[in-house]
Amino acid sequence: MGKSRLVQEFAHRLTCSQHSHHWFRVVPYGPRLADLTIAEVLRQAWQIAHEDSTETIVMKVRAGLDRLGMNAELWVAPILTLFGIRVQTGIAGSSPEELKKRLFDTLRRIALEMSKQQPS
């Protein structure tokens, strides 16, 4: 049907324009598929390799949040859960619904701050 060609042409046009874009791989299966996709986007944006140690991931997430002007102390814990890292915080005893809301709030804030820095 020409899907690969269309994607290739679209990618070429993006590289020739002022629009920012990120490429990432998505696995077609697995538990918490949406979380994996978001984690891949953040891995690319903040240069987090799959083989990075826990300490390196924490450092890169904190640095990424700092670059966005976000206080890492307030926002780091929910993001680290996407990478399977649990941090001792005051929200640790919260219900799953509260933790999910906190993660969505954090992701919304990251997207907003990234769009301010790279509006196109």
N, C-alpha and C. Protein backbone atom coordinates (compact mmCIF):
# COMPACT_ATOMS: atom_id res chain seq x y z
N MET A 1 0.82 -1.19 0.00
CA MET A 1 0.00 0.00 0.00
C MET A 1 0.87 1.26 0.00
N GLY A 2 2.18 1.15 0.17
CA GLY A 2 3.06 2.32 0.12
C GLY A 2 3.25 3.03 1.45
N LYS A 3 2.91 2.36 2.57
CA LYS A 3 3.02 3.03 3.87
C LYS A 3 4.47 3.39 4.20
N SER A 4 5.39 2.48 3.94
CA SER A 4 6.80 2.74 4.25
C SER A 4 7.33 3.92 3.44
N ARG A 5 6.95 3.99 2.17
CA ARG A 5 7.38 5.10 1.33
C ARG A 5 6.82 6.43 1.85
N LEU A 6 5.56 6.44 2.28
CA LEU A 6 4.95 7.66 2.81
C LEU A 6 5.67 8.12 4.08
N VAL A 7 5.98 7.17 4.95
CA VAL A 7 6.70 7.52 6.17
C VAL A 7 8.08 8.04 5.84
N GLN A 8 8.74 7.42 4.88
CA GLN A 8 10.08 7.86 4.47
C GLN A 8 10.03 9.27 3.90
N GLU A 9 9.06 9.57 3.07
CA GLU A 9 8.92 10.92 2.51
C GLU A 9 8.59 11.93 3.60
N PHE A 10 7.73 11.56 4.50
CA PHE A 10 7.38 12.45 5.61
C PHE A 10 8.61 12.75 6.46
N ALA A 11 9.40 11.72 6.77
CA ALA A 11 10.62 11.90 7.56
C ALA A 11 11.60 12.82 6.83
N HIS A 12 11.72 12.66 5.53
CA HIS A 12 12.62 13.52 4.76
C HIS A 12 12.17 14.98 4.84
N ARG A 13 10.88 15.22 4.73
CA ARG A 13 10.37 16.59 4.83
C ARG A 13 10.62 17.18 6.21
N LEU A 14 10.52 16.36 7.26
CA LEU A 14 10.78 16.86 8.60
C LEU A 14 12.24 17.28 8.76
N THR A 15 13.16 16.49 8.22
CA THR A 15 14.58 16.83 8.36
C THR A 15 14.93 18.09 7.58
N CYS A 16 14.13 18.44 6.59
CA CYS A 16 14.39 19.64 5.79
C CYS A 16 13.63 20.85 6.31
N SER A 17 12.94 20.72 7.43
CA SER A 17 12.14 21.82 7.95
C SER A 17 12.65 22.26 9.32
N GLN A 18 11.98 23.24 9.88
CA GLN A 18 12.33 23.76 11.20
C GLN A 18 11.60 23.02 12.32
N HIS A 19 10.77 22.04 11.98
CA HIS A 19 9.99 21.34 12.99
C HIS A 19 10.86 20.35 13.74
N SER A 20 10.67 20.31 15.06
CA SER A 20 11.41 19.32 15.85
C SER A 20 10.63 18.01 15.83
N HIS A 21 11.37 16.92 15.89
CA HIS A 21 10.73 15.61 15.90
C HIS A 21 11.66 14.61 16.57
N HIS A 22 11.08 13.54 17.05
CA HIS A 22 11.83 12.48 17.71
C HIS A 22 11.40 11.14 17.13
N TRP A 23 12.34 10.25 16.92
CA TRP A 23 12.06 8.90 16.46
C TRP A 23 12.30 7.96 17.61
N PHE A 24 11.45 6.97 17.76
CA PHE A 24 11.63 5.96 18.78
C PHE A 24 11.01 4.67 18.30
N ARG A 25 11.44 3.58 18.90
CA ARG A 25 10.88 2.29 18.51
C ARG A 25 9.79 1.90 19.49
N VAL A 26 8.80 1.23 18.99
CA VAL A 26 7.68 0.78 19.81
C VAL A 26 7.54 -0.72 19.63
N VAL A 27 7.40 -1.41 20.75
CA VAL A 27 7.19 -2.86 20.66
C VAL A 27 5.70 -3.11 20.50
N PRO A 28 5.32 -4.08 19.68
CA PRO A 28 3.90 -4.31 19.43
C PRO A 28 3.21 -5.17 20.50
N TYR A 29 3.89 -5.45 21.58
CA TYR A 29 3.34 -6.32 22.61
C TYR A 29 3.98 -5.98 23.93
N GLY A 30 3.43 -6.49 25.00
CA GLY A 30 4.03 -6.35 26.31
C GLY A 30 3.07 -5.70 27.29
N PRO A 31 3.33 -5.90 28.57
CA PRO A 31 2.48 -5.28 29.58
C PRO A 31 2.74 -3.78 29.63
N ARG A 32 1.70 -3.03 29.92
CA ARG A 32 1.80 -1.57 30.07
C ARG A 32 2.42 -0.95 28.82
N LEU A 33 1.87 -1.27 27.67
CA LEU A 33 2.40 -0.81 26.39
C LEU A 33 2.49 0.71 26.31
N ALA A 34 1.49 1.42 26.82
CA ALA A 34 1.53 2.89 26.77
C ALA A 34 2.71 3.43 27.58
N ASP A 35 2.97 2.81 28.73
CA ASP A 35 4.11 3.24 29.54
C ASP A 35 5.42 3.03 28.79
N LEU A 36 5.53 1.92 28.06
CA LEU A 36 6.75 1.64 27.31
C LEU A 36 6.97 2.71 26.24
N THR A 37 5.91 3.13 25.57
CA THR A 37 6.02 4.14 24.53
C THR A 37 6.47 5.47 25.11
N ILE A 38 5.88 5.88 26.20
CA ILE A 38 6.27 7.14 26.85
C ILE A 38 7.72 7.06 27.32
N ALA A 39 8.09 5.94 27.91
CA ALA A 39 9.48 5.76 28.36
C ALA A 39 10.44 5.88 27.19
N GLU A 40 10.09 5.33 26.03
CA GLU A 40 10.96 5.42 24.85
C GLU A 40 11.11 6.87 24.39
N VAL A 41 10.05 7.64 24.42
CA VAL A 41 10.12 9.05 24.03
C VAL A 41 11.07 9.78 24.98
N LEU A 42 10.93 9.55 26.28
CA LEU A 42 11.79 10.22 27.25
C LEU A 42 13.23 9.72 27.15
N ARG A 43 13.41 8.45 26.85
CA ARG A 43 14.77 7.92 26.65
C ARG A 43 15.49 8.70 25.55
N GLN A 44 14.79 8.92 24.45
CA GLN A 44 15.42 9.63 23.35
C GLN A 44 15.64 11.09 23.69
N ALA A 45 14.64 11.73 24.25
CA ALA A 45 14.74 13.16 24.56
C ALA A 45 15.87 13.45 25.55
N TRP A 46 16.08 12.53 26.49
CA TRP A 46 17.07 12.76 27.54
C TRP A 46 18.29 11.84 27.41
N GLN A 47 18.48 11.20 26.26
CA GLN A 47 19.62 10.32 25.96
C GLN A 47 19.83 9.26 27.05
N ILE A 48 18.76 8.56 27.38
CA ILE A 48 18.83 7.48 28.37
C ILE A 48 18.93 6.17 27.60
N ALA A 49 20.05 5.49 27.76
CA ALA A 49 20.26 4.22 27.06
C ALA A 49 19.62 3.08 27.85
N HIS A 50 19.24 2.03 27.16
CA HIS A 50 18.63 0.87 27.82
C HIS A 50 19.60 0.21 28.78
N GLU A 51 20.89 0.34 28.51
CA GLU A 51 21.88 -0.30 29.38
C GLU A 51 22.37 0.61 30.51
N ASP A 52 21.83 1.83 30.63
CA ASP A 52 22.24 2.74 31.70
C ASP A 52 21.88 2.16 33.07
N SER A 53 22.73 2.43 34.04
CA SER A 53 22.47 1.97 35.40
C SER A 53 21.36 2.81 36.02
N THR A 54 20.82 2.33 37.13
CA THR A 54 19.77 3.06 37.84
C THR A 54 20.25 4.46 38.21
N GLU A 55 21.46 4.57 38.71
CA GLU A 55 21.99 5.88 39.11
C GLU A 55 22.09 6.82 37.91
N THR A 56 22.51 6.29 36.76
CA THR A 56 22.63 7.11 35.56
C THR A 56 21.27 7.56 35.07
N ILE A 57 20.29 6.67 35.12
CA ILE A 57 18.93 7.04 34.71
C ILE A 57 18.38 8.14 35.61
N VAL A 58 18.55 7.99 36.92
CA VAL A 58 18.08 9.01 37.86
C VAL A 58 18.76 10.34 37.55
N MET A 59 20.06 10.32 37.32
CA MET A 59 20.80 11.55 37.02
C MET A 59 20.27 12.20 35.73
N LYS A 60 20.04 11.40 34.68
CA LYS A 60 19.59 11.95 33.40
C LYS A 60 18.16 12.48 33.48
N VAL A 61 17.30 11.79 34.23
CA VAL A 61 15.93 12.28 34.40
C VAL A 61 15.95 13.61 35.16
N ARG A 62 16.73 13.68 36.24
CA ARG A 62 16.82 14.93 37.00
C ARG A 62 17.36 16.06 36.12
N ALA A 63 18.39 15.78 35.32
CA ALA A 63 18.96 16.79 34.44
C ALA A 63 17.93 17.23 33.39
N GLY A 64 17.17 16.28 32.86
CA GLY A 64 16.14 16.62 31.88
C GLY A 64 15.07 17.51 32.47
N LEU A 65 14.64 17.19 33.68
CA LEU A 65 13.66 18.03 34.36
C LEU A 65 14.22 19.42 34.65
N ASP A 66 15.47 19.47 35.07
CA ASP A 66 16.12 20.77 35.34
C ASP A 66 16.17 21.63 34.08
N ARG A 67 16.52 21.01 32.94
CA ARG A 67 16.58 21.76 31.68
C ARG A 67 15.22 22.33 31.28
N LEU A 68 14.17 21.66 31.73
CA LEU A 68 12.81 22.14 31.44
C LEU A 68 12.34 23.18 32.45
N GLY A 69 13.17 23.44 33.46
CA GLY A 69 12.80 24.40 34.49
C GLY A 69 11.85 23.81 35.52
N MET A 70 11.81 22.50 35.61
CA MET A 70 10.95 21.82 36.56
C MET A 70 11.78 21.37 37.77
N ASN A 71 11.25 21.57 38.95
CA ASN A 71 11.94 21.16 40.17
C ASN A 71 11.98 19.64 40.22
N ALA A 72 13.16 19.07 40.08
CA ALA A 72 13.31 17.62 40.04
C ALA A 72 12.79 16.95 41.31
N GLU A 73 12.94 17.59 42.45
CA GLU A 73 12.48 17.00 43.71
C GLU A 73 10.98 16.75 43.69
N LEU A 74 10.24 17.62 43.03
CA LEU A 74 8.79 17.49 42.97
C LEU A 74 8.31 16.50 41.91
N TRP A 75 9.07 16.38 40.81
CA TRP A 75 8.57 15.67 39.64
C TRP A 75 9.28 14.36 39.31
N VAL A 76 10.41 14.07 39.91
CA VAL A 76 11.22 12.93 39.49
C VAL A 76 10.58 11.56 39.81
N ALA A 77 9.95 11.41 40.95
CA ALA A 77 9.44 10.10 41.37
C ALA A 77 8.46 9.47 40.38
N PRO A 78 7.44 10.21 39.91
CA PRO A 78 6.51 9.57 38.95
C PRO A 78 7.19 9.15 37.65
N ILE A 79 8.13 9.96 37.16
CA ILE A 79 8.80 9.63 35.91
C ILE A 79 9.67 8.39 36.08
N LEU A 80 10.34 8.27 37.19
CA LEU A 80 11.21 7.11 37.41
C LEU A 80 10.42 5.81 37.43
N THR A 81 9.14 5.86 37.80
CA THR A 81 8.34 4.63 37.79
C THR A 81 8.21 4.07 36.38
N LEU A 82 8.26 4.94 35.35
CA LEU A 82 8.21 4.47 33.97
C LEU A 82 9.42 3.61 33.62
N PHE A 83 10.53 3.84 34.33
CA PHE A 83 11.76 3.08 34.09
C PHE A 83 11.93 1.96 35.12
N GLY A 84 10.88 1.70 35.90
CA GLY A 84 10.92 0.62 36.88
C GLY A 84 11.72 0.95 38.12
N ILE A 85 11.90 2.24 38.39
CA ILE A 85 12.67 2.67 39.55
C ILE A 85 11.72 3.27 40.57
N ARG A 86 11.75 2.73 41.76
CA ARG A 86 10.89 3.24 42.84
C ARG A 86 11.72 4.14 43.74
N VAL A 87 11.13 5.28 44.09
CA VAL A 87 11.81 6.26 44.93
C VAL A 87 10.98 6.45 46.19
N GLN A 88 11.64 6.53 47.33
CA GLN A 88 10.93 6.78 48.58
C GLN A 88 10.47 8.23 48.62
N THR A 89 9.16 8.42 48.60
CA THR A 89 8.60 9.77 48.67
C THR A 89 7.37 9.74 49.56
N GLY A 90 6.81 10.90 49.79
CA GLY A 90 5.58 11.01 50.56
C GLY A 90 4.39 10.42 49.84
N ILE A 91 4.51 10.24 48.52
CA ILE A 91 3.38 9.71 47.76
C ILE A 91 3.43 8.19 47.66
N ALA A 92 4.43 7.56 48.27
CA ALA A 92 4.60 6.11 48.14
C ALA A 92 3.40 5.35 48.68
N GLY A 93 2.76 5.86 49.73
CA GLY A 93 1.61 5.18 50.32
C GLY A 93 0.30 5.55 49.65
N SER A 94 0.35 6.31 48.60
CA SER A 94 -0.86 6.75 47.93
C SER A 94 -1.52 5.59 47.19
N SER A 95 -2.79 5.79 46.89
CA SER A 95 -3.52 4.76 46.15
C SER A 95 -3.03 4.72 44.71
N PRO A 96 -3.26 3.60 44.01
CA PRO A 96 -2.85 3.51 42.60
C PRO A 96 -3.47 4.63 41.75
N GLU A 97 -4.70 5.02 42.05
CA GLU A 97 -5.34 6.09 41.29
C GLU A 97 -4.62 7.43 41.50
N GLU A 98 -4.21 7.70 42.73
CA GLU A 98 -3.48 8.93 43.02
C GLU A 98 -2.11 8.93 42.33
N LEU A 99 -1.43 7.79 42.34
CA LEU A 99 -0.13 7.68 41.68
C LEU A 99 -0.27 7.87 40.17
N LYS A 100 -1.33 7.30 39.60
CA LYS A 100 -1.59 7.44 38.17
C LYS A 100 -1.86 8.90 37.82
N LYS A 101 -2.66 9.58 38.64
CA LYS A 101 -2.95 10.99 38.41
C LYS A 101 -1.67 11.82 38.49
N ARG A 102 -0.82 11.52 39.44
CA ARG A 102 0.44 12.24 39.60
C ARG A 102 1.34 12.03 38.36
N LEU A 103 1.38 10.80 37.85
CA LEU A 103 2.17 10.53 36.65
C LEU A 103 1.62 11.30 35.45
N PHE A 104 0.30 11.29 35.26
CA PHE A 104 -0.29 12.03 34.14
C PHE A 104 -0.04 13.53 34.27
N ASP A 105 -0.15 14.06 35.48
CA ASP A 105 0.13 15.49 35.71
C ASP A 105 1.58 15.81 35.34
N THR A 106 2.49 14.92 35.74
CA THR A 106 3.91 15.12 35.45
C THR A 106 4.17 15.07 33.95
N LEU A 107 3.59 14.09 33.26
CA LEU A 107 3.78 13.97 31.82
C LEU A 107 3.19 15.17 31.07
N ARG A 108 2.04 15.64 31.52
CA ARG A 108 1.42 16.82 30.91
C ARG A 108 2.34 18.03 31.08
N ARG A 109 2.90 18.18 32.25
CA ARG A 109 3.80 19.31 32.52
C ARG A 109 5.07 19.21 31.68
N ILE A 110 5.63 18.02 31.54
CA ILE A 110 6.82 17.82 30.71
C ILE A 110 6.52 18.20 29.26
N ALA A 111 5.38 17.72 28.75
CA ALA A 111 5.01 18.04 27.36
C ALA A 111 4.84 19.54 27.18
N LEU A 112 4.23 20.19 28.13
CA LEU A 112 4.03 21.65 28.07
C LEU A 112 5.37 22.38 28.06
N GLU A 113 6.27 22.00 28.96
CA GLU A 113 7.57 22.67 29.04
C GLU A 113 8.41 22.38 27.82
N MET A 114 8.36 21.15 27.29
CA MET A 114 9.11 20.84 26.07
C MET A 114 8.59 21.66 24.89
N SER A 115 7.27 21.83 24.82
CA SER A 115 6.70 22.59 23.70
C SER A 115 7.05 24.07 23.80
N LYS A 116 7.29 24.57 24.99
CA LYS A 116 7.73 25.97 25.13
C LYS A 116 9.15 26.14 24.61
N GLN A 117 10.00 25.12 24.83
CA GLN A 117 11.39 25.21 24.40
C GLN A 117 11.55 24.89 22.92
N GLN A 118 10.70 24.01 22.39
CA GLN A 118 10.76 23.61 20.98
C GLN A 118 9.36 23.72 20.40
N PRO A 119 8.88 24.96 20.15
CA PRO A 119 7.49 25.13 19.74
C PRO A 119 7.15 24.58 18.36
N SER A 120 8.13 24.40 17.48
CA SER A 120 7.77 23.93 16.15
C SER A 120 7.77 22.44 16.05
